[in-house]
Amino acid sequence: MRLIVACGGLGQHAPSEAEVIAALCETRGVSKDALLLEERSTTTEENLRFALPFLADRKPSEVVIVTDRYHAPRARLMARRLGLIARTDCPPLPNARRLRVVRQVLREVPAYAWYWFTKR
């Protein structure tokens, strides 16, 4: 059985990111039985670390991380360092504000380098 581990804790306003992900999945026909919610994480590394217990018994051969295209390389690096075989799926963002995307890309470059060199 394929499962979705929706990750993300509560930000400044309810609901949690995991709840939003689960609701989006349900509107697209995903069964509640296929959804697992991890609602404590506040960073990508925590998303992955806190998802590990959900995966432990299931021992998946591969995980798919759904994230933004600019964030995918660092997410895959983190997953590999946690022992996961991971690939990413990056849905298009046709309505994304250009300035916000540029800012996020510029943020990811040093974040990737920092993670690469400090989290060995």
N, C-alpha and C. Protein backbone atom coordinates (compact mmCIF):
# COMPACT_ATOMS: atom_id res chain seq x y z
N MET A 1 0.84 -1.19 0.00
CA MET A 1 0.00 0.00 0.00
C MET A 1 0.88 1.24 0.00
N ARG A 2 0.57 2.17 -0.87
CA ARG A 2 1.28 3.44 -0.90
C ARG A 2 0.73 4.35 0.19
N LEU A 3 1.64 5.06 0.83
CA LEU A 3 1.25 5.97 1.90
C LEU A 3 1.80 7.36 1.64
N ILE A 4 1.15 8.32 2.22
CA ILE A 4 1.64 9.69 2.18
C ILE A 4 1.84 10.12 3.63
N VAL A 5 3.07 10.54 3.93
CA VAL A 5 3.36 11.11 5.24
C VAL A 5 3.35 12.62 5.03
N ALA A 6 2.31 13.26 5.49
CA ALA A 6 2.18 14.71 5.38
C ALA A 6 2.91 15.32 6.57
N CYS A 7 3.91 16.14 6.27
CA CYS A 7 4.76 16.70 7.33
C CYS A 7 4.59 18.20 7.45
N GLY A 8 4.65 18.67 8.67
CA GLY A 8 4.65 20.10 8.93
C GLY A 8 3.81 20.45 10.13
N GLY A 9 4.43 21.19 11.01
CA GLY A 9 3.76 21.58 12.24
C GLY A 9 2.90 22.81 12.08
N LEU A 10 2.47 23.30 13.20
CA LEU A 10 1.59 24.46 13.27
C LEU A 10 2.44 25.72 13.21
N GLY A 11 2.11 26.60 12.28
CA GLY A 11 2.79 27.89 12.17
C GLY A 11 2.11 28.91 13.06
N GLN A 12 2.00 30.11 12.58
CA GLN A 12 1.36 31.16 13.35
C GLN A 12 -0.15 30.99 13.42
N HIS A 13 -0.70 30.27 12.45
CA HIS A 13 -2.15 30.10 12.39
C HIS A 13 -2.48 28.64 12.09
N ALA A 14 -3.57 28.17 12.66
CA ALA A 14 -4.05 26.82 12.37
C ALA A 14 -4.62 26.80 10.95
N PRO A 15 -4.68 25.68 10.34
CA PRO A 15 -4.26 24.35 10.75
C PRO A 15 -2.77 24.12 10.50
N SER A 16 -2.29 22.96 10.93
CA SER A 16 -0.88 22.63 10.70
C SER A 16 -0.65 22.40 9.21
N GLU A 17 0.59 22.49 8.81
CA GLU A 17 0.93 22.24 7.40
C GLU A 17 0.55 20.82 7.01
N ALA A 18 0.75 19.86 7.92
CA ALA A 18 0.39 18.47 7.63
C ALA A 18 -1.11 18.33 7.38
N GLU A 19 -1.92 19.05 8.16
CA GLU A 19 -3.38 18.99 7.96
C GLU A 19 -3.78 19.56 6.60
N VAL A 20 -3.12 20.62 6.19
CA VAL A 20 -3.42 21.23 4.88
C VAL A 20 -3.05 20.25 3.77
N ILE A 21 -1.89 19.63 3.88
CA ILE A 21 -1.46 18.65 2.88
C ILE A 21 -2.45 17.49 2.81
N ALA A 22 -2.85 16.98 3.96
CA ALA A 22 -3.81 15.87 3.99
C ALA A 22 -5.14 16.27 3.36
N ALA A 23 -5.61 17.46 3.65
CA ALA A 23 -6.88 17.92 3.06
C ALA A 23 -6.77 18.03 1.54
N LEU A 24 -5.65 18.54 1.06
CA LEU A 24 -5.45 18.63 -0.39
C LEU A 24 -5.43 17.24 -1.02
N CYS A 25 -4.78 16.31 -0.36
CA CYS A 25 -4.72 14.93 -0.87
C CYS A 25 -6.12 14.31 -0.91
N GLU A 26 -6.89 14.52 0.14
CA GLU A 26 -8.24 13.96 0.19
C GLU A 26 -9.13 14.53 -0.91
N THR A 27 -8.99 15.82 -1.21
CA THR A 27 -9.81 16.41 -2.28
C THR A 27 -9.44 15.83 -3.63
N ARG A 28 -8.27 15.23 -3.71
CA ARG A 28 -7.84 14.61 -4.96
C ARG A 28 -8.00 13.09 -4.94
N GLY A 29 -8.78 12.61 -3.97
CA GLY A 29 -9.14 11.20 -3.97
C GLY A 29 -8.28 10.27 -3.15
N VAL A 30 -7.33 10.78 -2.40
CA VAL A 30 -6.50 9.92 -1.57
C VAL A 30 -7.31 9.52 -0.33
N SER A 31 -7.30 8.23 -0.03
CA SER A 31 -8.03 7.70 1.12
C SER A 31 -7.38 8.17 2.43
N LYS A 32 -8.20 8.43 3.43
CA LYS A 32 -7.67 8.79 4.75
C LYS A 32 -6.75 7.71 5.30
N ASP A 33 -7.01 6.46 4.93
CA ASP A 33 -6.17 5.35 5.40
C ASP A 33 -4.76 5.41 4.85
N ALA A 34 -4.57 6.13 3.75
CA ALA A 34 -3.25 6.24 3.12
C ALA A 34 -2.48 7.46 3.60
N LEU A 35 -3.07 8.23 4.51
CA LEU A 35 -2.46 9.47 4.99
C LEU A 35 -1.98 9.34 6.43
N LEU A 36 -0.75 9.68 6.65
CA LEU A 36 -0.18 9.74 7.99
C LEU A 36 0.28 11.17 8.22
N LEU A 37 -0.05 11.73 9.38
CA LEU A 37 0.29 13.12 9.67
C LEU A 37 1.40 13.22 10.70
N GLU A 38 2.43 13.96 10.33
CA GLU A 38 3.53 14.30 11.24
C GLU A 38 3.39 15.80 11.46
N GLU A 39 3.00 16.21 12.65
CA GLU A 39 2.64 17.61 12.90
C GLU A 39 3.56 18.34 13.87
N ARG A 40 4.77 17.83 14.08
CA ARG A 40 5.68 18.51 15.00
C ARG A 40 6.75 19.33 14.30
N SER A 41 7.09 19.00 13.09
CA SER A 41 8.26 19.57 12.43
C SER A 41 8.08 21.03 12.05
N THR A 42 9.21 21.74 12.08
CA THR A 42 9.22 23.14 11.67
C THR A 42 10.31 23.43 10.64
N THR A 43 11.12 22.42 10.32
CA THR A 43 12.17 22.55 9.31
C THR A 43 12.15 21.32 8.41
N THR A 44 12.83 21.42 7.30
CA THR A 44 12.91 20.27 6.39
C THR A 44 13.59 19.09 7.06
N GLU A 45 14.65 19.35 7.78
CA GLU A 45 15.35 18.26 8.46
C GLU A 45 14.42 17.58 9.47
N GLU A 46 13.66 18.37 10.22
CA GLU A 46 12.70 17.78 11.15
C GLU A 46 11.61 17.02 10.40
N ASN A 47 11.15 17.55 9.26
CA ASN A 47 10.16 16.82 8.45
C ASN A 47 10.65 15.40 8.22
N LEU A 48 11.87 15.28 7.77
CA LEU A 48 12.42 13.96 7.44
C LEU A 48 12.68 13.12 8.69
N ARG A 49 13.30 13.71 9.70
CA ARG A 49 13.60 12.96 10.93
C ARG A 49 12.33 12.45 11.62
N PHE A 50 11.33 13.31 11.69
CA PHE A 50 10.10 12.93 12.37
C PHE A 50 9.24 11.98 11.53
N ALA A 51 9.50 11.92 10.23
CA ALA A 51 8.78 10.97 9.36
C ALA A 51 9.40 9.58 9.46
N LEU A 52 10.65 9.47 9.88
CA LEU A 52 11.33 8.17 9.94
C LEU A 52 10.56 7.11 10.74
N PRO A 53 10.01 7.43 11.91
CA PRO A 53 9.24 6.40 12.63
C PRO A 53 8.04 5.87 11.84
N PHE A 54 7.42 6.72 11.04
CA PHE A 54 6.30 6.26 10.20
C PHE A 54 6.77 5.27 9.14
N LEU A 55 8.02 5.42 8.72
CA LEU A 55 8.57 4.59 7.66
C LEU A 55 9.25 3.33 8.18
N ALA A 56 9.63 3.33 9.44
CA ALA A 56 10.44 2.24 10.00
C ALA A 56 9.83 0.86 9.79
N ASP A 57 8.58 0.69 10.11
CA ASP A 57 7.94 -0.62 9.98
C ASP A 57 7.67 -0.99 8.53
N ARG A 58 7.52 0.01 7.70
CA ARG A 58 7.13 -0.24 6.31
C ARG A 58 8.32 -0.50 5.40
N LYS A 59 9.50 -0.01 5.78
CA LYS A 59 10.73 -0.20 5.03
C LYS A 59 10.56 0.04 3.53
N PRO A 60 10.22 1.26 3.15
CA PRO A 60 10.03 1.54 1.72
C PRO A 60 11.35 1.47 0.96
N SER A 61 11.28 1.03 -0.28
CA SER A 61 12.50 0.98 -1.09
C SER A 61 12.88 2.38 -1.55
N GLU A 62 11.90 3.26 -1.62
CA GLU A 62 12.14 4.63 -2.05
C GLU A 62 11.07 5.52 -1.47
N VAL A 63 11.43 6.76 -1.21
CA VAL A 63 10.45 7.76 -0.80
C VAL A 63 10.45 8.88 -1.83
N VAL A 64 9.31 9.52 -1.95
CA VAL A 64 9.18 10.66 -2.85
C VAL A 64 8.91 11.88 -2.00
N ILE A 65 9.75 12.88 -2.14
CA ILE A 65 9.58 14.12 -1.40
C ILE A 65 8.94 15.13 -2.35
N VAL A 66 7.80 15.64 -1.97
CA VAL A 66 7.13 16.65 -2.79
C VAL A 66 7.49 18.01 -2.20
N THR A 67 8.14 18.81 -3.02
CA THR A 67 8.62 20.11 -2.56
C THR A 67 8.79 21.05 -3.74
N ASP A 68 9.22 22.25 -3.47
CA ASP A 68 9.49 23.21 -4.54
C ASP A 68 10.77 22.82 -5.27
N ARG A 69 10.83 23.15 -6.55
CA ARG A 69 11.98 22.79 -7.39
C ARG A 69 13.29 23.32 -6.81
N TYR A 70 13.29 24.54 -6.32
CA TYR A 70 14.51 25.13 -5.79
C TYR A 70 14.96 24.47 -4.48
N HIS A 71 14.06 23.85 -3.79
CA HIS A 71 14.36 23.24 -2.49
C HIS A 71 14.72 21.75 -2.62
N ALA A 72 14.41 21.16 -3.74
CA ALA A 72 14.56 19.71 -3.93
C ALA A 72 15.98 19.19 -3.72
N PRO A 73 17.03 19.83 -4.24
CA PRO A 73 18.38 19.27 -4.03
C PRO A 73 18.75 19.13 -2.55
N ARG A 74 18.43 20.14 -1.75
CA ARG A 74 18.77 20.06 -0.32
C ARG A 74 17.91 19.01 0.38
N ALA A 75 16.66 18.90 0.02
CA ALA A 75 15.78 17.88 0.63
C ALA A 75 16.30 16.48 0.31
N ARG A 76 16.73 16.25 -0.94
CA ARG A 76 17.28 14.94 -1.30
C ARG A 76 18.57 14.66 -0.54
N LEU A 77 19.42 15.67 -0.40
CA LEU A 77 20.67 15.51 0.36
C LEU A 77 20.36 15.12 1.80
N MET A 78 19.43 15.80 2.43
CA MET A 78 19.06 15.48 3.81
C MET A 78 18.53 14.06 3.91
N ALA A 79 17.68 13.68 2.98
CA ALA A 79 17.11 12.33 3.01
C ALA A 79 18.20 11.28 2.87
N ARG A 80 19.11 11.49 1.94
CA ARG A 80 20.22 10.52 1.76
C ARG A 80 21.03 10.39 3.04
N ARG A 81 21.29 11.51 3.69
CA ARG A 81 22.09 11.47 4.92
C ARG A 81 21.35 10.78 6.06
N LEU A 82 20.05 10.67 5.95
CA LEU A 82 19.25 9.94 6.95
C LEU A 82 19.03 8.48 6.53
N GLY A 83 19.66 8.08 5.43
CA GLY A 83 19.58 6.69 5.00
C GLY A 83 18.41 6.36 4.09
N LEU A 84 17.74 7.37 3.57
CA LEU A 84 16.60 7.13 2.69
C LEU A 84 17.02 7.20 1.22
N ILE A 85 16.44 6.36 0.43
CA ILE A 85 16.58 6.48 -1.02
C ILE A 85 15.41 7.36 -1.44
N ALA A 86 15.74 8.54 -1.93
CA ALA A 86 14.68 9.53 -2.17
C ALA A 86 14.80 10.16 -3.55
N ARG A 87 13.64 10.46 -4.08
CA ARG A 87 13.56 11.29 -5.28
C ARG A 87 12.57 12.40 -4.95
N THR A 88 12.54 13.39 -5.80
CA THR A 88 11.64 14.51 -5.54
C THR A 88 10.65 14.66 -6.68
N ASP A 89 9.51 15.20 -6.34
CA ASP A 89 8.49 15.57 -7.31
C ASP A 89 8.17 17.03 -7.03
N CYS A 90 8.28 17.84 -8.03
CA CYS A 90 8.12 19.28 -7.85
C CYS A 90 6.98 19.80 -8.73
N PRO A 91 5.81 19.97 -8.13
CA PRO A 91 4.69 20.47 -8.92
C PRO A 91 4.97 21.89 -9.42
N PRO A 92 4.44 22.24 -10.57
CA PRO A 92 4.65 23.60 -11.08
C PRO A 92 3.95 24.63 -10.20
N LEU A 93 4.48 25.82 -10.22
CA LEU A 93 3.91 26.93 -9.45
C LEU A 93 3.56 28.06 -10.42
N PRO A 94 2.53 27.87 -11.22
CA PRO A 94 2.24 28.86 -12.27
C PRO A 94 1.87 30.25 -11.75
N ASN A 95 1.36 30.34 -10.55
CA ASN A 95 0.94 31.64 -10.01
C ASN A 95 1.90 32.20 -8.97
N ALA A 96 3.08 31.58 -8.86
CA ALA A 96 4.04 32.05 -7.86
C ALA A 96 4.57 33.43 -8.23
N ARG A 97 4.75 34.25 -7.23
CA ARG A 97 5.31 35.58 -7.47
C ARG A 97 6.79 35.44 -7.77
N ARG A 98 7.20 36.04 -8.86
CA ARG A 98 8.58 35.91 -9.34
C ARG A 98 9.60 36.33 -8.27
N LEU A 99 9.37 37.45 -7.61
CA LEU A 99 10.30 37.95 -6.61
C LEU A 99 10.44 36.96 -5.46
N ARG A 100 9.34 36.37 -5.05
CA ARG A 100 9.39 35.38 -3.95
C ARG A 100 10.20 34.15 -4.36
N VAL A 101 10.01 33.69 -5.59
CA VAL A 101 10.76 32.53 -6.08
C VAL A 101 12.25 32.86 -6.14
N VAL A 102 12.59 34.02 -6.65
CA VAL A 102 14.00 34.43 -6.74
C VAL A 102 14.60 34.47 -5.34
N ARG A 103 13.88 35.06 -4.39
CA ARG A 103 14.37 35.12 -3.01
C ARG A 103 14.61 33.72 -2.44
N GLN A 104 13.69 32.80 -2.70
CA GLN A 104 13.84 31.44 -2.18
C GLN A 104 15.01 30.72 -2.84
N VAL A 105 15.20 30.91 -4.13
CA VAL A 105 16.34 30.30 -4.82
C VAL A 105 17.64 30.83 -4.22
N LEU A 106 17.72 32.14 -4.03
CA LEU A 106 18.93 32.74 -3.46
C LEU A 106 19.17 32.26 -2.03
N ARG A 107 18.12 31.98 -1.31
CA ARG A 107 18.24 31.46 0.06
C ARG A 107 18.75 30.02 0.04
N GLU A 108 18.32 29.24 -0.92
CA GLU A 108 18.68 27.82 -0.98
C GLU A 108 20.15 27.60 -1.29
N VAL A 109 20.77 28.47 -2.06
CA VAL A 109 22.18 28.26 -2.43
C VAL A 109 23.07 28.21 -1.19
N PRO A 110 23.07 29.23 -0.33
CA PRO A 110 23.90 29.12 0.87
C PRO A 110 23.40 28.05 1.84
N ALA A 111 22.09 27.82 1.88
CA ALA A 111 21.56 26.79 2.78
C ALA A 111 22.07 25.41 2.37
N TYR A 112 22.10 25.15 1.07
CA TYR A 112 22.63 23.86 0.58
C TYR A 112 24.10 23.73 0.95
N ALA A 113 24.87 24.78 0.69
CA ALA A 113 26.31 24.75 1.01
C ALA A 113 26.53 24.54 2.50
N TRP A 114 25.77 25.26 3.33
CA TRP A 114 25.91 25.11 4.78
C TRP A 114 25.60 23.68 5.19
N TYR A 115 24.52 23.14 4.68
CA TYR A 115 24.14 21.78 5.05
C TYR A 115 25.18 20.78 4.57
N TRP A 116 25.68 20.97 3.37
CA TRP A 116 26.67 20.06 2.80
C TRP A 116 27.93 19.99 3.68
N PHE A 117 28.41 21.15 4.11
CA PHE A 117 29.68 21.19 4.84
C PHE A 117 29.54 20.97 6.35
N THR A 118 28.41 21.29 6.94
CA THR A 118 28.31 21.20 8.40
C THR A 118 27.59 19.96 8.89
N LYS A 119 26.81 19.33 8.07
CA LYS A 119 26.00 18.19 8.52
C LYS A 119 26.53 16.86 8.00
N ARG A 120 27.82 16.72 8.00
CA ARG A 120 28.40 15.47 7.49
C ARG A 120 28.37 14.38 8.52
